[in-house]
Amino acid sequence: MIGCHLFNRSIREISLLLNIPWLTVNGIKTTLKQLRTRETRPRSGRPRKMTEQGQHMLKQKVRTSHQLSAESIAKDLQTSCDLQISTKTVCRELH
């Protein structure tokens, strides 16, 4: 599709040639024009509560002892790693 765009094909021609809806072709063409790349921008939204490091610590904690409750894991992470984490977040992340 990008090659067709570079050879100055119209949106309709690209759509018919590749059997893609013209709205999709138009959206990608607009993104290319605005951003000069076809990568998508990061999405907006609420950031995750746990960082990658926190997730790694949680996984290590669960691997070492399988019988711990979510409450005890949360307390342990709060004291040892200085993470402010609730039991609901621990359950959600483990799920």
PDB file of N, CA and C in Angstrom:
ATOM      1  N   MET A   1       0.808  -1.179   0.000  1.00  0.00           N
ATOM      2  CA  MET A   1       0.000   0.000   0.000  1.00  0.00           C
ATOM      3  C   MET A   1       0.860   1.255   0.000  1.00  0.00           C
ATOM      4  N   ILE A   2       1.918   1.236   0.758  1.00  0.00           N
ATOM      5  CA  ILE A   2       2.798   2.397   0.808  1.00  0.00           C
ATOM      6  C   ILE A   2       3.477   2.598  -0.538  1.00  0.00           C
ATOM      7  N   GLY A   3       3.853   1.498  -1.176  1.00  0.00           N
ATOM      8  CA  GLY A   3       4.450   1.590  -2.506  1.00  0.00           C
ATOM      9  C   GLY A   3       3.502   2.210  -3.509  1.00  0.00           C
ATOM     10  N   CYS A   4       2.236   1.800  -3.453  1.00  0.00           N
ATOM     11  CA  CYS A   4       1.231   2.394  -4.350  1.00  0.00           C
ATOM     12  C   CYS A   4       1.084   3.884  -4.066  1.00  0.00           C
ATOM     13  N   HIS A   5       1.110   4.239  -2.802  1.00  0.00           N
ATOM     14  CA  HIS A   5       1.000   5.652  -2.428  1.00  0.00           C
ATOM     15  C   HIS A   5       2.195   6.446  -2.957  1.00  0.00           C
ATOM     16  N   LEU A   6       3.369   5.856  -2.869  1.00  0.00           N
ATOM     17  CA  LEU A   6       4.566   6.545  -3.349  1.00  0.00           C
ATOM     18  C   LEU A   6       4.553   6.712  -4.864  1.00  0.00           C
ATOM     19  N   PHE A   7       3.846   5.819  -5.577  1.00  0.00           N
ATOM     20  CA  PHE A   7       3.718   5.941  -7.027  1.00  0.00           C
ATOM     21  C   PHE A   7       2.483   6.749  -7.426  1.00  0.00           C
ATOM     22  N   ASN A   8       1.998   7.555  -6.492  1.00  0.00           N
ATOM     23  CA  ASN A   8       0.904   8.505  -6.716  1.00  0.00           C
ATOM     24  C   ASN A   8      -0.385   7.847  -7.197  1.00  0.00           C
ATOM     25  N   ARG A   9      -0.704   6.670  -6.676  1.00  0.00           N
ATOM     26  CA  ARG A   9      -1.994   6.043  -6.958  1.00  0.00           C
ATOM     27  C   ARG A   9      -3.049   6.701  -6.080  1.00  0.00           C
ATOM     28  N   SER A  10      -4.270   6.761  -6.577  1.00  0.00           N
ATOM     29  CA  SER A  10      -5.353   7.353  -5.790  1.00  0.00           C
ATOM     30  C   SER A  10      -5.808   6.371  -4.724  1.00  0.00           C
ATOM     31  N   ILE A  11      -6.556   6.885  -3.752  1.00  0.00           N
ATOM     32  CA  ILE A  11      -7.071   6.037  -2.682  1.00  0.00           C
ATOM     33  C   ILE A  11      -7.968   4.953  -3.257  1.00  0.00           C
ATOM     34  N   ARG A  12      -8.792   5.322  -4.211  1.00  0.00           N
ATOM     35  CA  ARG A  12      -9.711   4.357  -4.838  1.00  0.00           C
ATOM     36  C   ARG A  12      -8.930   3.266  -5.578  1.00  0.00           C
ATOM     37  N   GLU A  13      -7.877   3.643  -6.301  1.00  0.00           N
ATOM     38  CA  GLU A  13      -7.075   2.652  -7.023  1.00  0.00           C
ATOM     39  C   GLU A  13      -6.395   1.686  -6.064  1.00  0.00           C
ATOM     40  N   ILE A  14      -5.840   2.221  -4.988  1.00  0.00           N
ATOM     41  CA  ILE A  14      -5.172   1.365  -3.999  1.00  0.00           C
ATOM     42  C   ILE A  14      -6.186   0.424  -3.359  1.00  0.00           C
ATOM     43  N   SER A  15      -7.367   0.959  -3.047  1.00  0.00           N
ATOM     44  CA  SER A  15      -8.417   0.166  -2.430  1.00  0.00           C
ATOM     45  C   SER A  15      -8.838  -0.992  -3.330  1.00  0.00           C
ATOM     46  N   LEU A  16      -9.060  -0.719  -4.592  1.00  0.00           N
ATOM     47  CA  LEU A  16      -9.473  -1.766  -5.522  1.00  0.00           C
ATOM     48  C   LEU A  16      -8.358  -2.766  -5.792  1.00  0.00           C
ATOM     49  N   LEU A  17      -7.131  -2.282  -5.884  1.00  0.00           N
ATOM     50  CA  LEU A  17      -5.992  -3.141  -6.178  1.00  0.00           C
ATOM     51  C   LEU A  17      -5.722  -4.133  -5.043  1.00  0.00           C
ATOM     52  N   LEU A  18      -5.788  -3.650  -3.804  1.00  0.00           N
ATOM     53  CA  LEU A  18      -5.447  -4.490  -2.662  1.00  0.00           C
ATOM     54  C   LEU A  18      -6.657  -5.098  -1.964  1.00  0.00           C
ATOM     55  N   ASN A  19      -7.860  -4.753  -2.454  1.00  0.00           N
ATOM     56  CA  ASN A  19      -9.095  -5.265  -1.865  1.00  0.00           C
ATOM     57  C   ASN A  19      -9.196  -4.887  -0.383  1.00  0.00           C
ATOM     58  N   ILE A  20      -8.927  -3.620  -0.098  1.00  0.00           N
ATOM     59  CA  ILE A  20      -8.989  -3.041   1.242  1.00  0.00           C
ATOM     60  C   ILE A  20     -10.008  -1.913   1.187  1.00  0.00           C
ATOM     61  N   PRO A  21     -10.820  -1.725   2.235  1.00  0.00           N
ATOM     62  CA  PRO A  21     -11.756  -0.602   2.235  1.00  0.00           C
ATOM     63  C   PRO A  21     -11.036   0.731   2.073  1.00  0.00           C
ATOM     64  N   TRP A  22     -11.662   1.656   1.353  1.00  0.00           N
ATOM     65  CA  TRP A  22     -10.993   2.929   1.069  1.00  0.00           C
ATOM     66  C   TRP A  22     -10.810   3.755   2.335  1.00  0.00           C
ATOM     67  N   LEU A  23     -11.674   3.566   3.345  1.00  0.00           N
ATOM     68  CA  LEU A  23     -11.480   4.290   4.607  1.00  0.00           C
ATOM     69  C   LEU A  23     -10.190   3.861   5.306  1.00  0.00           C
ATOM     70  N   THR A  24      -9.878   2.578   5.222  1.00  0.00           N
ATOM     71  CA  THR A  24      -8.632   2.079   5.805  1.00  0.00           C
ATOM     72  C   THR A  24      -7.432   2.676   5.081  1.00  0.00           C
ATOM     73  N   VAL A  25      -7.497   2.693   3.759  1.00  0.00           N
ATOM     74  CA  VAL A  25      -6.414   3.266   2.953  1.00  0.00           C
ATOM     75  C   VAL A  25      -6.259   4.748   3.282  1.00  0.00           C
ATOM     76  N   ASN A  26      -7.377   5.451   3.381  1.00  0.00           N
ATOM     77  CA  ASN A  26      -7.335   6.878   3.683  1.00  0.00           C
ATOM     78  C   ASN A  26      -6.740   7.134   5.065  1.00  0.00           C
ATOM     79  N   GLY A  27      -7.104   6.311   6.053  1.00  0.00           N
ATOM     80  CA  GLY A  27      -6.569   6.480   7.406  1.00  0.00           C
ATOM     81  C   GLY A  27      -5.064   6.280   7.460  1.00  0.00           C
ATOM     82  N   ILE A  28      -4.588   5.251   6.788  1.00  0.00           N
ATOM     83  CA  ILE A  28      -3.139   4.984   6.780  1.00  0.00           C
ATOM     84  C   ILE A  28      -2.406   6.079   6.022  1.00  0.00           C
ATOM     85  N   LYS A  29      -2.991   6.534   4.930  1.00  0.00           N
ATOM     86  CA  LYS A  29      -2.374   7.604   4.143  1.00  0.00           C
ATOM     87  C   LYS A  29      -2.294   8.894   4.964  1.00  0.00           C
ATOM     88  N   THR A  30      -3.341   9.189   5.720  1.00  0.00           N
ATOM     89  CA  THR A  30      -3.344  10.375   6.580  1.00  0.00           C
ATOM     90  C   THR A  30      -2.296  10.253   7.678  1.00  0.00           C
ATOM     91  N   THR A  31      -2.186   9.069   8.279  1.00  0.00           N
ATOM     92  CA  THR A  31      -1.180   8.840   9.315  1.00  0.00           C
ATOM     93  C   THR A  31       0.219   9.033   8.753  1.00  0.00           C
ATOM     94  N   LEU A  32       0.460   8.518   7.556  1.00  0.00           N
ATOM     95  CA  LEU A  32       1.768   8.690   6.926  1.00  0.00           C
ATOM     96  C   LEU A  32       2.078  10.166   6.696  1.00  0.00           C
ATOM     97  N   LYS A  33       1.069  10.900   6.259  1.00  0.00           N
ATOM     98  CA  LYS A  33       1.280  12.310   5.959  1.00  0.00           C
ATOM     99  C   LYS A  33       1.563  13.114   7.228  1.00  0.00           C
ATOM    100  N   GLN A  34       0.822  12.832   8.309  1.00  0.00           N
ATOM    101  CA  GLN A  34       0.968  13.597   9.541  1.00  0.00           C
ATOM    102  C   GLN A  34       2.218  13.223  10.310  1.00  0.00           C
ATOM    103  N   LEU A  35       2.470  11.935  10.484  1.00  0.00           N
ATOM    104  CA  LEU A  35       3.559  11.486  11.346  1.00  0.00           C
ATOM    105  C   LEU A  35       4.830  11.118  10.605  1.00  0.00           C
ATOM    106  N   ARG A  36       4.733  10.972   9.294  1.00  0.00           N
ATOM    107  CA  ARG A  36       5.848  10.529   8.453  1.00  0.00           C
ATOM    108  C   ARG A  36       6.374   9.160   8.885  1.00  0.00           C
ATOM    109  N   THR A  37       5.472   8.361   9.469  1.00  0.00           N
ATOM    110  CA  THR A  37       5.775   6.996   9.854  1.00  0.00           C
ATOM    111  C   THR A  37       4.470   6.224   9.891  1.00  0.00           C
ATOM    112  N   ARG A  38       4.542   4.901   9.789  1.00  0.00           N
ATOM    113  CA  ARG A  38       3.301   4.145   9.872  1.00  0.00           C
ATOM    114  C   ARG A  38       3.105   3.519  11.236  1.00  0.00           C
ATOM    115  N   GLU A  39       3.989   3.848  12.186  1.00  0.00           N
ATOM    116  CA  GLU A  39       3.827   3.355  13.553  1.00  0.00           C
ATOM    117  C   GLU A  39       2.682   4.094  14.227  1.00  0.00           C
ATOM    118  N   THR A  40       1.978   3.393  15.074  1.00  0.00           N
ATOM    119  CA  THR A  40       0.888   4.032  15.788  1.00  0.00           C
ATOM    120  C   THR A  40       1.418   4.771  17.011  1.00  0.00           C
ATOM    121  N   ARG A  41       0.719   5.805  17.378  1.00  0.00           N
ATOM    122  CA  ARG A  41       1.092   6.571  18.560  1.00  0.00           C
ATOM    123  C   ARG A  41       0.677   5.823  19.816  1.00  0.00           C
ATOM    124  N   PRO A  42       1.310   6.108  20.948  1.00  0.00           N
ATOM    125  CA  PRO A  42       0.886   5.465  22.192  1.00  0.00           C
ATOM    126  C   PRO A  42      -0.548   5.859  22.522  1.00  0.00           C
ATOM    127  N   ARG A  43      -1.290   4.919  23.019  1.00  0.00           N
ATOM    128  CA  ARG A  43      -2.683   5.179  23.349  1.00  0.00           C
ATOM    129  C   ARG A  43      -2.792   5.899  24.680  1.00  0.00           C
ATOM    130  N   SER A  44      -3.835   6.692  24.781  1.00  0.00           N
ATOM    131  CA  SER A  44      -4.083   7.378  26.038  1.00  0.00           C
ATOM    132  C   SER A  44      -4.760   6.413  26.991  1.00  0.00           C
ATOM    133  N   GLY A  45      -4.778   6.765  28.221  1.00  0.00           N
ATOM    134  CA  GLY A  45      -5.450   5.918  29.200  1.00  0.00           C
ATOM    135  C   GLY A  45      -4.745   5.966  30.527  1.00  0.00           C
ATOM    136  N   ARG A  46      -5.363   5.348  31.468  1.00  0.00           N
ATOM    137  CA  ARG A  46      -4.817   5.338  32.808  1.00  0.00           C
ATOM    138  C   ARG A  46      -3.569   4.460  32.848  1.00  0.00           C
ATOM    139  N   PRO A  47      -2.491   4.945  33.459  1.00  0.00           N
ATOM    140  CA  PRO A  47      -1.274   4.133  33.525  1.00  0.00           C
ATOM    141  C   PRO A  47      -1.453   2.949  34.468  1.00  0.00           C
ATOM    142  N   ARG A  48      -0.699   1.917  34.227  1.00  0.00           N
ATOM    143  CA  ARG A  48      -0.768   0.728  35.071  1.00  0.00           C
ATOM    144  C   ARG A  48      -0.235   1.037  36.460  1.00  0.00           C
ATOM    145  N   LYS A  49      -0.805   0.367  37.449  1.00  0.00           N
ATOM    146  CA  LYS A  49      -0.384   0.601  38.828  1.00  0.00           C
ATOM    147  C   LYS A  49       0.981  -0.002  39.117  1.00  0.00           C
ATOM    148  N   MET A  50       1.242  -1.146  38.505  1.00  0.00           N
ATOM    149  CA  MET A  50       2.515  -1.813  38.760  1.00  0.00           C
ATOM    150  C   MET A  50       3.462  -1.611  37.594  1.00  0.00           C
ATOM    151  N   THR A  51       4.695  -1.316  37.917  1.00  0.00           N
ATOM    152  CA  THR A  51       5.719  -1.179  36.890  1.00  0.00           C
ATOM    153  C   THR A  51       6.219  -2.567  36.505  1.00  0.00           C
ATOM    154  N   GLU A  52       7.062  -2.608  35.495  1.00  0.00           N
ATOM    155  CA  GLU A  52       7.653  -3.883  35.066  1.00  0.00           C
ATOM    156  C   GLU A  52       8.447  -4.517  36.210  1.00  0.00           C
ATOM    157  N   GLN A  53       9.148  -3.674  36.969  1.00  0.00           N
ATOM    158  CA  GLN A  53       9.949  -4.173  38.083  1.00  0.00           C
ATOM    159  C   GLN A  53       9.046  -4.770  39.162  1.00  0.00           C
ATOM    160  N   GLY A  54       7.925  -4.105  39.436  1.00  0.00           N
ATOM    161  CA  GLY A  54       6.984  -4.617  40.424  1.00  0.00           C
ATOM    162  C   GLY A  54       6.374  -5.938  39.998  1.00  0.00           C
ATOM    163  N   GLN A  55       6.045  -6.062  38.712  1.00  0.00           N
ATOM    164  CA  GLN A  55       5.503  -7.317  38.204  1.00  0.00           C
ATOM    165  C   GLN A  55       6.523  -8.437  38.326  1.00  0.00           C
ATOM    166  N   HIS A  56       7.782  -8.102  38.055  1.00  0.00           N
ATOM    167  CA  HIS A  56       8.844  -9.105  38.152  1.00  0.00           C
ATOM    168  C   HIS A  56       8.994  -9.577  39.602  1.00  0.00           C
ATOM    169  N   MET A  57       8.968  -8.637  40.554  1.00  0.00           N
ATOM    170  CA  MET A  57       9.083  -9.008  41.966  1.00  0.00           C
ATOM    171  C   MET A  57       7.910  -9.872  42.405  1.00  0.00           C
ATOM    172  N   LEU A  58       6.722  -9.538  41.935  1.00  0.00           N
ATOM    173  CA  LEU A  58       5.532 -10.310  42.283  1.00  0.00           C
ATOM    174  C   LEU A  58       5.638 -11.739  41.753  1.00  0.00           C
ATOM    175  N   LYS A  59       6.083 -11.891  40.515  1.00  0.00           N
ATOM    176  CA  LYS A  59       6.241 -13.231  39.934  1.00  0.00           C
ATOM    177  C   LYS A  59       7.279 -14.049  40.698  1.00  0.00           C
ATOM    178  N   GLN A  60       8.381 -13.395  41.087  1.00  0.00           N
ATOM    179  CA  GLN A  60       9.403 -14.102  41.857  1.00  0.00           C
ATOM    180  C   GLN A  60       8.853 -14.574  43.194  1.00  0.00           C
ATOM    181  N   LYS A  61       8.086 -13.709  43.844  1.00  0.00           N
ATOM    182  CA  LYS A  61       7.515 -14.038  45.146  1.00  0.00           C
ATOM    183  C   LYS A  61       6.583 -15.245  45.038  1.00  0.00           C
ATOM    184  N   VAL A  62       5.779 -15.293  43.977  1.00  0.00           N
ATOM    185  CA  VAL A  62       4.833 -16.396  43.804  1.00  0.00           C
ATOM    186  C   VAL A  62       5.567 -17.680  43.425  1.00  0.00           C
ATOM    187  N   ARG A  63       6.630 -17.572  42.645  1.00  0.00           N
ATOM    188  CA  ARG A  63       7.389 -18.772  42.250  1.00  0.00           C
ATOM    189  C   ARG A  63       8.049 -19.441  43.450  1.00  0.00           C
ATOM    190  N   THR A  64       8.534 -18.616  44.394  1.00  0.00           N
ATOM    191  CA  THR A  64       9.250 -19.196  45.531  1.00  0.00           C
ATOM    192  C   THR A  64       8.306 -19.871  46.518  1.00  0.00           C
ATOM    193  N   SER A  65       7.126 -19.302  46.714  1.00  0.00           N
ATOM    194  CA  SER A  65       6.177 -19.923  47.659  1.00  0.00           C
ATOM    195  C   SER A  65       4.767 -19.818  47.086  1.00  0.00           C
ATOM    196  N   HIS A  66       4.223 -20.945  46.712  1.00  0.00           N
ATOM    197  CA  HIS A  66       2.925 -20.997  46.039  1.00  0.00           C
ATOM    198  C   HIS A  66       1.748 -20.863  47.000  1.00  0.00           C
ATOM    199  N   GLN A  67       1.963 -21.091  48.273  1.00  0.00           N
ATOM    200  CA  GLN A  67       0.858 -21.156  49.217  1.00  0.00           C
ATOM    201  C   GLN A  67       0.527 -19.821  49.882  1.00  0.00           C
ATOM    202  N   LEU A  68       1.215 -18.750  49.524  1.00  0.00           N
ATOM    203  CA  LEU A  68       0.968 -17.468  50.160  1.00  0.00           C
ATOM    204  C   LEU A  68      -0.347 -16.864  49.699  1.00  0.00           C
ATOM    205  N   SER A  69      -1.023 -16.180  50.598  1.00  0.00           N
ATOM    206  CA  SER A  69      -2.258 -15.489  50.225  1.00  0.00           C
ATOM    207  C   SER A  69      -1.906 -14.153  49.575  1.00  0.00           C
ATOM    208  N   ALA A  70      -2.865 -13.576  48.884  1.00  0.00           N
ATOM    209  CA  ALA A  70      -2.646 -12.285  48.224  1.00  0.00           C
ATOM    210  C   ALA A  70      -2.355 -11.202  49.257  1.00  0.00           C
ATOM    211  N   GLU A  71      -3.001 -11.296  50.404  1.00  0.00           N
ATOM    212  CA  GLU A  71      -2.779 -10.307  51.465  1.00  0.00           C
ATOM    213  C   GLU A  71      -1.352 -10.364  51.992  1.00  0.00           C
ATOM    214  N   SER A  72      -0.838 -11.578  52.215  1.00  0.00           N
ATOM    215  CA  SER A  72       0.527 -11.697  52.722  1.00  0.00           C
ATOM    216  C   SER A  72       1.550 -11.269  51.659  1.00  0.00           C
ATOM    217  N   ILE A  73       1.261 -11.545  50.392  1.00  0.00           N
ATOM    218  CA  ILE A  73       2.159 -11.109  49.314  1.00  0.00           C
ATOM    219  C   ILE A  73       2.195  -9.590  49.252  1.00  0.00           C
ATOM    220  N   ALA A  74       1.024  -8.958  49.361  1.00  0.00           N
ATOM    221  CA  ALA A  74       0.956  -7.491  49.312  1.00  0.00           C
ATOM    222  C   ALA A  74       1.721  -6.878  50.475  1.00  0.00           C
ATOM    223  N   LYS A  75       1.544  -7.422  51.679  1.00  0.00           N
ATOM    224  CA  LYS A  75       2.264  -6.895  52.844  1.00  0.00           C
ATOM    225  C   LYS A  75       3.768  -7.063  52.684  1.00  0.00           C
ATOM    226  N   ASP A  76       4.166  -8.224  52.181  1.00  0.00           N
ATOM    227  CA  ASP A  76       5.586  -8.496  51.995  1.00  0.00           C
ATOM    228  C   ASP A  76       6.211  -7.545  50.973  1.00  0.00           C
ATOM    229  N   LEU A  77       5.501  -7.301  49.870  1.00  0.00           N
ATOM    230  CA  LEU A  77       6.022  -6.376  48.857  1.00  0.00           C
ATOM    231  C   LEU A  77       6.070  -4.946  49.381  1.00  0.00           C
ATOM    232  N   GLN A  78       5.114  -4.584  50.239  1.00  0.00           N
ATOM    233  CA  GLN A  78       5.109  -3.236  50.807  1.00  0.00           C
ATOM    234  C   GLN A  78       6.296  -3.026  51.732  1.00  0.00           C
ATOM    235  N   THR A  79       6.632  -4.037  52.521  1.00  0.00           N
ATOM    236  CA  THR A  79       7.742  -3.866  53.465  1.00  0.00           C
ATOM    237  C   THR A  79       9.108  -4.042  52.812  1.00  0.00           C
ATOM    238  N   SER A  80       9.257  -5.081  51.997  1.00  0.00           N
ATOM    239  CA  SER A  80      10.586  -5.375  51.459  1.00  0.00           C
ATOM    240  C   SER A  80      10.954  -4.522  50.253  1.00  0.00           C
ATOM    241  N   CYS A  81       9.996  -4.203  49.407  1.00  0.00           N
ATOM    242  CA  CYS A  81      10.312  -3.507  48.155  1.00  0.00           C
ATOM    243  C   CYS A  81       9.810  -2.075  48.127  1.00  0.00           C
ATOM    244  N   ASP A  82       9.156  -1.649  49.180  1.00  0.00           N
ATOM    245  CA  ASP A  82       8.622  -0.290  49.280  1.00  0.00           C
ATOM    246  C   ASP A  82       7.641   0.013  48.144  1.00  0.00           C
ATOM    247  N   LEU A  83       6.788  -0.978  47.829  1.00  0.00           N
ATOM    248  CA  LEU A  83       5.736  -0.793  46.833  1.00  0.00           C
ATOM    249  C   LEU A  83       4.414  -0.578  47.550  1.00  0.00           C
ATOM    250  N   GLN A  84       3.664   0.424  47.153  1.00  0.00           N
ATOM    251  CA  GLN A  84       2.322   0.626  47.682  1.00  0.00           C
ATOM    252  C   GLN A  84       1.363  -0.155  46.800  1.00  0.00           C
ATOM    253  N   ILE A  85       0.951  -1.320  47.271  1.00  0.00           N
ATOM    254  CA  ILE A  85       0.140  -2.216  46.466  1.00  0.00           C
ATOM    255  C   ILE A  85      -0.947  -2.834  47.340  1.00  0.00           C
ATOM    256  N   SER A  86      -2.145  -2.934  46.810  1.00  0.00           N
ATOM    257  CA  SER A  86      -3.250  -3.514  47.566  1.00  0.00           C
ATOM    258  C   SER A  86      -3.402  -4.992  47.215  1.00  0.00           C
ATOM    259  N   THR A  87      -4.192  -5.680  48.025  1.00  0.00           N
ATOM    260  CA  THR A  87      -4.430  -7.099  47.757  1.00  0.00           C
ATOM    261  C   THR A  87      -5.220  -7.289  46.473  1.00  0.00           C
ATOM    262  N   LYS A  88      -6.122  -6.354  46.164  1.00  0.00           N
ATOM    263  CA  LYS A  88      -6.873  -6.447  44.913  1.00  0.00           C
ATOM    264  C   LYS A  88      -5.944  -6.338  43.708  1.00  0.00           C
ATOM    265  N   THR A  89      -4.951  -5.447  43.792  1.00  0.00           N
ATOM    266  CA  THR A  89      -4.002  -5.308  42.685  1.00  0.00           C
ATOM    267  C   THR A  89      -3.182  -6.578  42.529  1.00  0.00           C
ATOM    268  N   VAL A  90      -2.780  -7.190  43.645  1.00  0.00           N
ATOM    269  CA  VAL A  90      -2.032  -8.450  43.579  1.00  0.00           C
ATOM    270  C   VAL A  90      -2.872  -9.515  42.890  1.00  0.00           C
ATOM    271  N   CYS A  91      -4.138  -9.633  43.277  1.00  0.00           N
ATOM    272  CA  CYS A  91      -5.024 -10.633  42.656  1.00  0.00           C
ATOM    273  C   CYS A  91      -5.195 -10.361  41.169  1.00  0.00           C
ATOM    274  N   ARG A  92      -5.383  -9.106  40.836  1.00  0.00           N
ATOM    275  CA  ARG A  92      -5.598  -8.719  39.433  1.00  0.00           C
ATOM    276  C   ARG A  92      -4.357  -9.030  38.597  1.00  0.00           C
ATOM    277  N   GLU A  93      -3.192  -8.714  39.116  1.00  0.00           N
ATOM    278  CA  GLU A  93      -1.963  -8.950  38.365  1.00  0.00           C
ATOM    279  C   GLU A  93      -1.667 -10.443  38.218  1.00  0.00           C
ATOM    280  N   LEU A  94      -1.988 -11.212  39.245  1.00  0.00           N
ATOM    281  CA  LEU A  94      -1.741 -12.650  39.165  1.00  0.00           C
ATOM    282  C   LEU A  94      -2.736 -13.343  38.255  1.00  0.00           C
ATOM    283  N   HIS A  95      -3.905 -12.785  38.165  1.00  0.00           N
ATOM    284  CA  HIS A  95      -4.934 -13.385  37.308  1.00  0.00           C
ATOM    285  C   HIS A  95      -4.477 -13.272  35.868  1.00  0.00           C
TER     286      HIS A  95
END
